[in-house]
C-alpha atoms as a PDB file:
ATOM      1  CA  MET A   1      35.778  57.242 -10.009  1.00  0.00           C
ATOM      2  CA  GLU A   2      38.662  59.443 -11.029  1.00  0.00           C
ATOM      3  CA  GLN A   3      38.359  61.405 -14.252  1.00  0.00           C
ATOM      4  CA  LEU A   4      40.850  59.344 -16.288  1.00  0.00           C
ATOM      5  CA  LEU A   5      39.078  56.062 -15.484  1.00  0.00           C
ATOM      6  CA  ARG A   6      35.716  57.657 -16.250  1.00  0.00           C
ATOM      7  CA  ASP A   7      36.970  58.915 -19.624  1.00  0.00           C
ATOM      8  CA  LYS A   8      38.426  55.507 -20.488  1.00  0.00           C
ATOM      9  CA  TYR A   9      35.152  53.857 -19.477  1.00  0.00           C
ATOM     10  CA  TYR A  10      33.073  56.100 -21.735  1.00  0.00           C
ATOM     11  CA  ILE A  11      35.445  55.673 -24.679  1.00  0.00           C
ATOM     12  CA  LYS A  12      35.205  51.886 -24.375  1.00  0.00           C
ATOM     13  CA  LEU A  13      31.425  52.032 -23.936  1.00  0.00           C
ATOM     14  CA  VAL A  14      31.054  54.157 -27.074  1.00  0.00           C
ATOM     15  CA  MET A  15      33.325  51.770 -28.991  1.00  0.00           C
ATOM     16  CA  MET A  16      31.156  48.863 -27.839  1.00  0.00           C
ATOM     17  CA  ALA A  17      28.036  50.681 -29.058  1.00  0.00           C
ATOM     18  CA  ILE A  18      29.713  51.322 -32.430  1.00  0.00           C
ATOM     19  CA  PHE A  19      30.607  47.628 -32.734  1.00  0.00           C
ATOM     20  CA  ILE A  20      26.995  46.712 -31.922  1.00  0.00           C
ATOM     21  CA  ALA A  21      25.721  49.131 -34.582  1.00  0.00           C
ATOM     22  CA  GLY A  22      28.180  47.589 -37.049  1.00  0.00           C
ATOM     23  CA  ASP A  23      26.967  44.081 -36.250  1.00  0.00           C
ATOM     24  CA  LEU A  24      23.378  45.223 -36.703  1.00  0.00           C
ATOM     25  CA  PHE A  25      24.289  46.715 -40.098  1.00  0.00           C
ATOM     26  CA  VAL A  26      26.080  43.542 -41.242  1.00  0.00           C
ATOM     27  CA  ASN A  27      23.123  41.407 -40.101  1.00  0.00           C
ATOM     28  CA  SER A  28      20.708  43.490 -42.141  1.00  0.00           C
ATOM     29  CA  LYS A  29      22.865  43.290 -45.269  1.00  0.00           C
ATOM     30  CA  SER A  30      23.836  39.630 -45.219  1.00  0.00           C
ATOM     31  CA  GLU A  31      20.463  38.038 -45.972  1.00  0.00           C
ATOM     32  CA  TYR A  32      18.927  40.502 -48.341  1.00  0.00           C
ATOM     33  CA  GLU A  33      21.026  42.743 -50.534  1.00  0.00           C
ATOM     34  CA  ALA A  34      24.069  40.478 -50.525  1.00  0.00           C
ATOM     35  CA  LEU A  35      22.116  37.602 -52.075  1.00  0.00           C
ATOM     36  CA  GLN A  36      20.799  39.470 -55.080  1.00  0.00           C
ATOM     37  CA  VAL A  37      22.144  38.560 -58.474  1.00  0.00           C
ATOM     38  CA  ASP A  38      21.270  41.015 -61.176  1.00  0.00           C
ATOM     39  CA  GLU A  39      19.676  38.881 -63.862  1.00  0.00           C
ATOM     40  CA  PRO A  40      19.319  40.520 -67.267  1.00  0.00           C
ATOM     41  CA  THR A  41      15.664  41.197 -67.978  1.00  0.00           C
ATOM     42  CA  ASP A  42      15.577  42.075 -71.646  1.00  0.00           C
ATOM     43  CA  THR A  43      17.073  40.173 -74.556  1.00  0.00           C
ATOM     44  CA  SER A  44      19.634  42.852 -75.426  1.00  0.00           C
ATOM     45  CA  GLN A  45      21.164  42.508 -71.958  1.00  0.00           C
ATOM     46  CA  GLN A  46      21.082  38.732 -72.239  1.00  0.00           C
ATOM     47  CA  LEU A  47      23.188  39.033 -75.383  1.00  0.00           C
ATOM     48  CA  LEU A  48      25.676  41.244 -73.550  1.00  0.00           C
ATOM     49  CA  PHE A  49      25.671  39.074 -70.413  1.00  0.00           C
ATOM     50  CA  PRO A  50      25.199  35.461 -71.479  1.00  0.00           C
ATOM     51  CA  PRO A  51      24.516  32.795 -68.829  1.00  0.00           C
ATOM     52  CA  SER A  52      28.185  31.729 -68.796  1.00  0.00           C
ATOM     53  CA  ASN A  53      29.123  35.120 -67.317  1.00  0.00           C
ATOM     54  CA  ARG A  54      26.564  34.774 -64.541  1.00  0.00           C
ATOM     55  CA  SER A  55      28.934  32.491 -62.679  1.00  0.00           C
ATOM     56  CA  THR A  56      31.043  35.584 -62.015  1.00  0.00           C
ATOM     57  CA  ALA A  57      28.077  37.150 -60.240  1.00  0.00           C
ATOM     58  CA  TYR A  58      27.716  34.035 -58.068  1.00  0.00           C
ATOM     59  CA  GLU A  59      31.433  34.104 -57.276  1.00  0.00           C
ATOM     60  CA  GLU A  60      31.195  37.761 -56.251  1.00  0.00           C
ATOM     61  CA  MET A  61      28.148  36.962 -54.154  1.00  0.00           C
ATOM     62  CA  SER A  62      29.919  34.094 -52.371  1.00  0.00           C
ATOM     63  CA  GLN A  63      32.942  36.305 -51.698  1.00  0.00           C
ATOM     64  CA  LEU A  64      30.664  38.988 -50.291  1.00  0.00           C
ATOM     65  CA  GLN A  65      28.952  36.436 -48.037  1.00  0.00           C
ATOM     66  CA  ILE A  66      32.326  35.252 -46.707  1.00  0.00           C
ATOM     67  CA  ILE A  67      33.366  38.852 -46.041  1.00  0.00           C
ATOM     68  CA  LEU A  68      30.080  39.646 -44.274  1.00  0.00           C
ATOM     69  CA  LEU A  69      30.298  36.529 -42.095  1.00  0.00           C
ATOM     70  CA  GLY A  70      33.908  37.364 -41.227  1.00  0.00           C
ATOM     71  CA  CYS A  71      32.964  40.957 -40.378  1.00  0.00           C
ATOM     72  CA  SER A  72      30.122  39.767 -38.177  1.00  0.00           C
ATOM     73  CA  ILE A  73      32.393  37.398 -36.245  1.00  0.00           C
ATOM     74  CA  LEU A  74      35.041  40.112 -35.927  1.00  0.00           C
ATOM     75  CA  LEU A  75      32.489  42.638 -34.665  1.00  0.00           C
ATOM     76  CA  GLN A  76      31.172  40.190 -32.063  1.00  0.00           C
ATOM     77  CA  ALA A  77      34.712  39.510 -30.865  1.00  0.00           C
ATOM     78  CA  SER A  78      35.227  43.279 -30.665  1.00  0.00           C
ATOM     79  CA  ILE A  79      32.076  43.680 -28.567  1.00  0.00           C
ATOM     80  CA  PHE A  80      33.324  41.093 -26.089  1.00  0.00           C
ATOM     81  CA  SER A  81      36.815  42.625 -26.132  1.00  0.00           C
ATOM     82  CA  ALA A  82      35.391  46.062 -25.319  1.00  0.00           C
ATOM     83  CA  PHE A  83      33.486  44.535 -22.395  1.00  0.00           C
ATOM     84  CA  PHE A  84      36.631  42.755 -21.211  1.00  0.00           C
ATOM     85  CA  LEU A  85      38.648  45.984 -21.424  1.00  0.00           C
ATOM     86  CA  ILE A  86      36.038  47.773 -19.319  1.00  0.00           C
ATOM     87  CA  LEU A  87      36.079  44.888 -16.837  1.00  0.00           C
ATOM     88  CA  ALA A  88      39.899  44.944 -16.689  1.00  0.00           C
ATOM     89  CA  ASP A  89      39.861  48.470 -15.237  1.00  0.00           C
ATOM     90  CA  THR A  90      37.732  47.478 -12.245  1.00  0.00           C
ATOM     91  CA  PHE A  91      39.183  47.026  -8.767  1.00  0.00           C
ATOM     92  CA  PRO A  92      37.946  43.449  -8.229  1.00  0.00           C
ATOM     93  CA  PHE A  93      39.444  42.345 -11.534  1.00  0.00           C
ATOM     94  CA  GLN A  94      42.785  43.952 -10.733  1.00  0.00           C
ATOM     95  CA  VAL A  95      43.059  42.284  -7.300  1.00  0.00           C
ATOM     96  CA  GLY A  96      41.946  38.891  -8.566  1.00  0.00           C
ATOM     97  CA  LEU A  97      38.351  38.696  -7.363  1.00  0.00           C
ATOM     98  CA  LEU A  98      37.261  37.236 -10.677  1.00  0.00           C
ATOM     99  CA  GLY A  99      34.796  34.804  -9.128  1.00  0.00           C
ATOM    100  CA  VAL A 100      32.986  37.561  -7.264  1.00  0.00           C
ATOM    101  CA  VAL A 101      32.726  39.929 -10.203  1.00  0.00           C
ATOM    102  CA  GLY A 102      32.245  37.105 -12.722  1.00  0.00           C
ATOM    103  CA  ALA A 103      29.152  35.894 -10.888  1.00  0.00           C
ATOM    104  CA  GLN A 104      27.579  39.310 -11.434  1.00  0.00           C
ATOM    105  CA  PHE A 105      28.171  39.180 -15.185  1.00  0.00           C
ATOM    106  CA  LYS A 106      27.613  35.514 -15.980  1.00  0.00           C
ATOM    107  CA  HIS A 107      25.016  36.338 -18.636  1.00  0.00           C
ATOM    108  CA  MET A 108      27.517  38.135 -20.863  1.00  0.00           C
ATOM    109  CA  PRO A 109      29.698  35.139 -21.856  1.00  0.00           C
ATOM    110  CA  ILE A 110      26.603  32.936 -22.212  1.00  0.00           C
ATOM    111  CA  ALA A 111      24.905  35.461 -24.515  1.00  0.00           C
ATOM    112  CA  GLN A 112      28.163  35.943 -26.431  1.00  0.00           C
ATOM    113  CA  GLY A 113      28.620  32.214 -26.974  1.00  0.00           C
ATOM    114  CA  LEU A 114      25.029  31.534 -28.024  1.00  0.00           C
ATOM    115  CA  TYR A 115      24.823  34.492 -30.374  1.00  0.00           C
ATOM    116  CA  SER A 116      28.199  33.703 -31.962  1.00  0.00           C
ATOM    117  CA  LEU A 117      27.142  30.084 -32.458  1.00  0.00           C
ATOM    118  CA  MET A 118      23.888  31.188 -34.092  1.00  0.00           C
ATOM    119  CA  THR A 119      25.739  33.673 -36.317  1.00  0.00           C
ATOM    120  CA  ILE A 120      28.201  31.038 -37.491  1.00  0.00           C
ATOM    121  CA  SER A 121      25.408  28.491 -38.068  1.00  0.00           C
ATOM    122  CA  VAL A 122      23.233  30.865 -40.077  1.00  0.00           C
ATOM    123  CA  GLY A 123      26.252  32.162 -42.006  1.00  0.00           C
ATOM    124  CA  ALA A 124      27.417  28.631 -42.833  1.00  0.00           C
ATOM    125  CA  MET A 125      23.945  27.692 -44.073  1.00  0.00           C
ATOM    126  CA  ARG A 126      23.829  30.833 -46.199  1.00  0.00           C
ATOM    127  CA  LEU A 127      27.286  30.112 -47.649  1.00  0.00           C
ATOM    128  CA  ASP A 128      26.285  26.519 -48.372  1.00  0.00           C
ATOM    129  CA  GLN A 129      23.291  27.713 -50.379  1.00  0.00           C
ATOM    130  CA  VAL A 130      25.357  30.290 -52.264  1.00  0.00           C
ATOM    131  CA  PHE A 131      28.095  27.789 -53.133  1.00  0.00           C
ATOM    132  CA  LYS A 132      25.397  25.483 -54.507  1.00  0.00           C
ATOM    133  CA  GLY A 133      24.268  28.339 -56.765  1.00  0.00           C
ATOM    134  CA  ASN A 134      20.980  28.801 -54.928  1.00  0.00           C
ATOM    135  CA  THR A 135      20.102  32.388 -54.105  1.00  0.00           C
ATOM    136  CA  ASP A 136      16.651  31.522 -52.784  1.00  0.00           C
ATOM    137  CA  ILE A 137      17.698  30.768 -49.217  1.00  0.00           C
ATOM    138  CA  TRP A 138      14.132  31.295 -48.050  1.00  0.00           C
ATOM    139  CA  SER A 139      13.075  27.983 -49.599  1.00  0.00           C
ATOM    140  CA  ASN A 140      14.921  26.129 -46.800  1.00  0.00           C
ATOM    141  CA  ALA A 141      12.558  25.796 -43.800  1.00  0.00           C
ATOM    142  CA  PHE A 142      15.368  25.041 -41.332  1.00  0.00           C
ATOM    143  CA  TYR A 143      17.210  28.173 -42.460  1.00  0.00           C
ATOM    144  CA  ILE A 144      14.084  30.251 -41.872  1.00  0.00           C
ATOM    145  CA  ILE A 145      13.804  28.914 -38.308  1.00  0.00           C
ATOM    146  CA  MET A 146      17.504  29.487 -37.595  1.00  0.00           C
ATOM    147  CA  SER A 147      17.397  32.971 -39.094  1.00  0.00           C
ATOM    148  CA  PHE A 148      14.286  33.794 -37.056  1.00  0.00           C
ATOM    149  CA  PHE A 149      15.956  32.813 -33.787  1.00  0.00           C
ATOM    150  CA  HIS A 150      19.173  34.575 -34.803  1.00  0.00           C
ATOM    151  CA  LYS A 151      17.302  37.804 -35.503  1.00  0.00           C
ATOM    152  CA  LEU A 152      15.254  37.394 -32.320  1.00  0.00           C
ATOM    153  CA  GLY A 153      18.404  36.745 -30.293  1.00  0.00           C
ATOM    154  CA  ALA A 154      20.290  39.750 -31.675  1.00  0.00           C
ATOM    155  CA  PRO A 155      18.464  42.442 -29.642  1.00  0.00           C
ATOM    156  CA  CYS A 156      18.753  40.263 -26.538  1.00  0.00           C
ATOM    157  CA  TYR A 157      22.503  39.899 -27.105  1.00  0.00           C
ATOM    158  CA  TYR A 158      22.884  43.644 -27.692  1.00  0.00           C
ATOM    159  CA  ALA A 159      20.868  44.440 -24.558  1.00  0.00           C
ATOM    160  CA  VAL A 160      22.855  42.022 -22.368  1.00  0.00           C
ATOM    161  CA  SER A 161      26.132  43.413 -23.720  1.00  0.00           C
ATOM    162  CA  LEU A 162      25.212  47.061 -23.200  1.00  0.00           C
ATOM    163  CA  ARG A 163      23.583  46.441 -19.834  1.00  0.00           C
ATOM    164  CA  SER A 164      26.650  44.584 -18.558  1.00  0.00           C
ATOM    165  CA  ALA A 165      28.979  47.337 -19.747  1.00  0.00           C
ATOM    166  CA  MET A 166      26.765  50.046 -18.270  1.00  0.00           C
ATOM    167  CA  ARG A 167      26.661  48.258 -14.916  1.00  0.00           C
ATOM    168  CA  LEU A 168      30.445  48.431 -14.875  1.00  0.00           C
ATOM    169  CA  GLY A 169      30.114  52.222 -14.914  1.00  0.00           C
ATOM    170  CA  ASN A 170      29.050  52.115 -11.264  1.00  0.00           C
ATOM    171  CA  GLU A 171      31.698  53.668  -8.982  1.00  0.00           C
ATOM    172  CA  MET A 172      31.500  50.625  -6.744  1.00  0.00           C
ATOM    173  CA  TYR A 173      33.630  48.686  -9.228  1.00  0.00           C
ATOM    174  CA  TYR A 174      36.451  51.229  -9.070  1.00  0.00           C
ATOM    175  CA  THR A 175      36.815  51.853  -5.333  1.00  0.00           C
ATOM    176  CA  LYS A 176      38.688  49.746  -2.830  1.00  0.00           C
ATOM    177  CA  GLU A 177      36.215  50.493  -0.043  1.00  0.00           C
ATOM    178  CA  ALA A 178      33.361  48.645  -1.742  1.00  0.00           C
ATOM    179  CA  TRP A 179      35.401  45.440  -1.861  1.00  0.00           C
ATOM    180  CA  THR A 180      37.249  45.535   1.452  1.00  0.00           C
ATOM    181  CA  SER A 181      36.304  45.104   5.076  1.00  0.00           C
ATOM    182  CA  SER A 182      38.398  46.864   7.751  1.00  0.00           C
ATOM    183  CA  GLY A 183      41.111  47.770   5.246  1.00  0.00           C
ATOM    184  CA  GLU A 184      41.619  44.170   4.097  1.00  0.00           C
ATOM    185  CA  THR A 185      40.511  42.887   0.752  1.00  0.00           C
ATOM    186  CA  ILE A 186      37.853  40.205   0.684  1.00  0.00           C
ATOM    187  CA  SER A 187      40.370  37.651  -0.535  1.00  0.00           C
ATOM    188  CA  ASP A 188      42.720  38.501   2.403  1.00  0.00           C
ATOM    189  CA  ALA A 189      39.879  37.990   4.874  1.00  0.00           C
ATOM    190  CA  GLU A 190      38.988  34.661   3.262  1.00  0.00           C
ATOM    191  CA  ALA A 191      42.639  33.559   3.362  1.00  0.00           C
ATOM    192  CA  GLN A 192      42.760  34.095   7.139  1.00  0.00           C
ATOM    193  CA  LYS A 193      39.794  31.774   7.715  1.00  0.00           C
END
C-alpha cells in the first residue's frame, strides 16, 4: 500500500477509535451522573431552593439527556462514516465490487443497526422517565433489561467496528493484483461468461 493511502488509513482508524471512546464516555454518563438532581438536604437550603425551583433542575436534566442521546447517535454515525471512508479507499470498492467486499464485512452494518436501535430505545425510555419527573429509572424492570443488553452489546459493537476497520488495513484491499485474474478485473471476467 502506498504511503499516502497508509497514512489516510491510519488517520481514519484513529478517528474511529476516538469516536468509539466518545461513545463509551457518553454511555457511562447518560445513566448515572446525568440523572442526579441535587436535592437540598438541610432546612436552610430548602428555604433558599423551595420545591417550585426544583422543576428547573428537572428541565436541565431532561435537556442534558436529550443532548447525551443526540451525541451518542452522532458518535455512532461517525463510527460508521469512518468505516465507510476507509472502505471507500479500497480497490474493490472503487471498481464496483461491492458485493464481494460487502460479503466480507456483513457484520458491521448488522452490528451498527442493532446497537443504534438499542441506543435509541434505551435513550427514549430514559427520556420518558425524566419527562415524567422520575429520576429513579432503575425501578423499571424492562429498562434494566434493555440497559443490560445495551451495555453488553456495546463492547461487541466496538469490537466488530474496530476489527472490520483493521481488516481493511490489509494490503490486499489496495492492490489490483489481489482482485484480478490475468490482468482483468473479476467483474470483467464475469461479464464475459
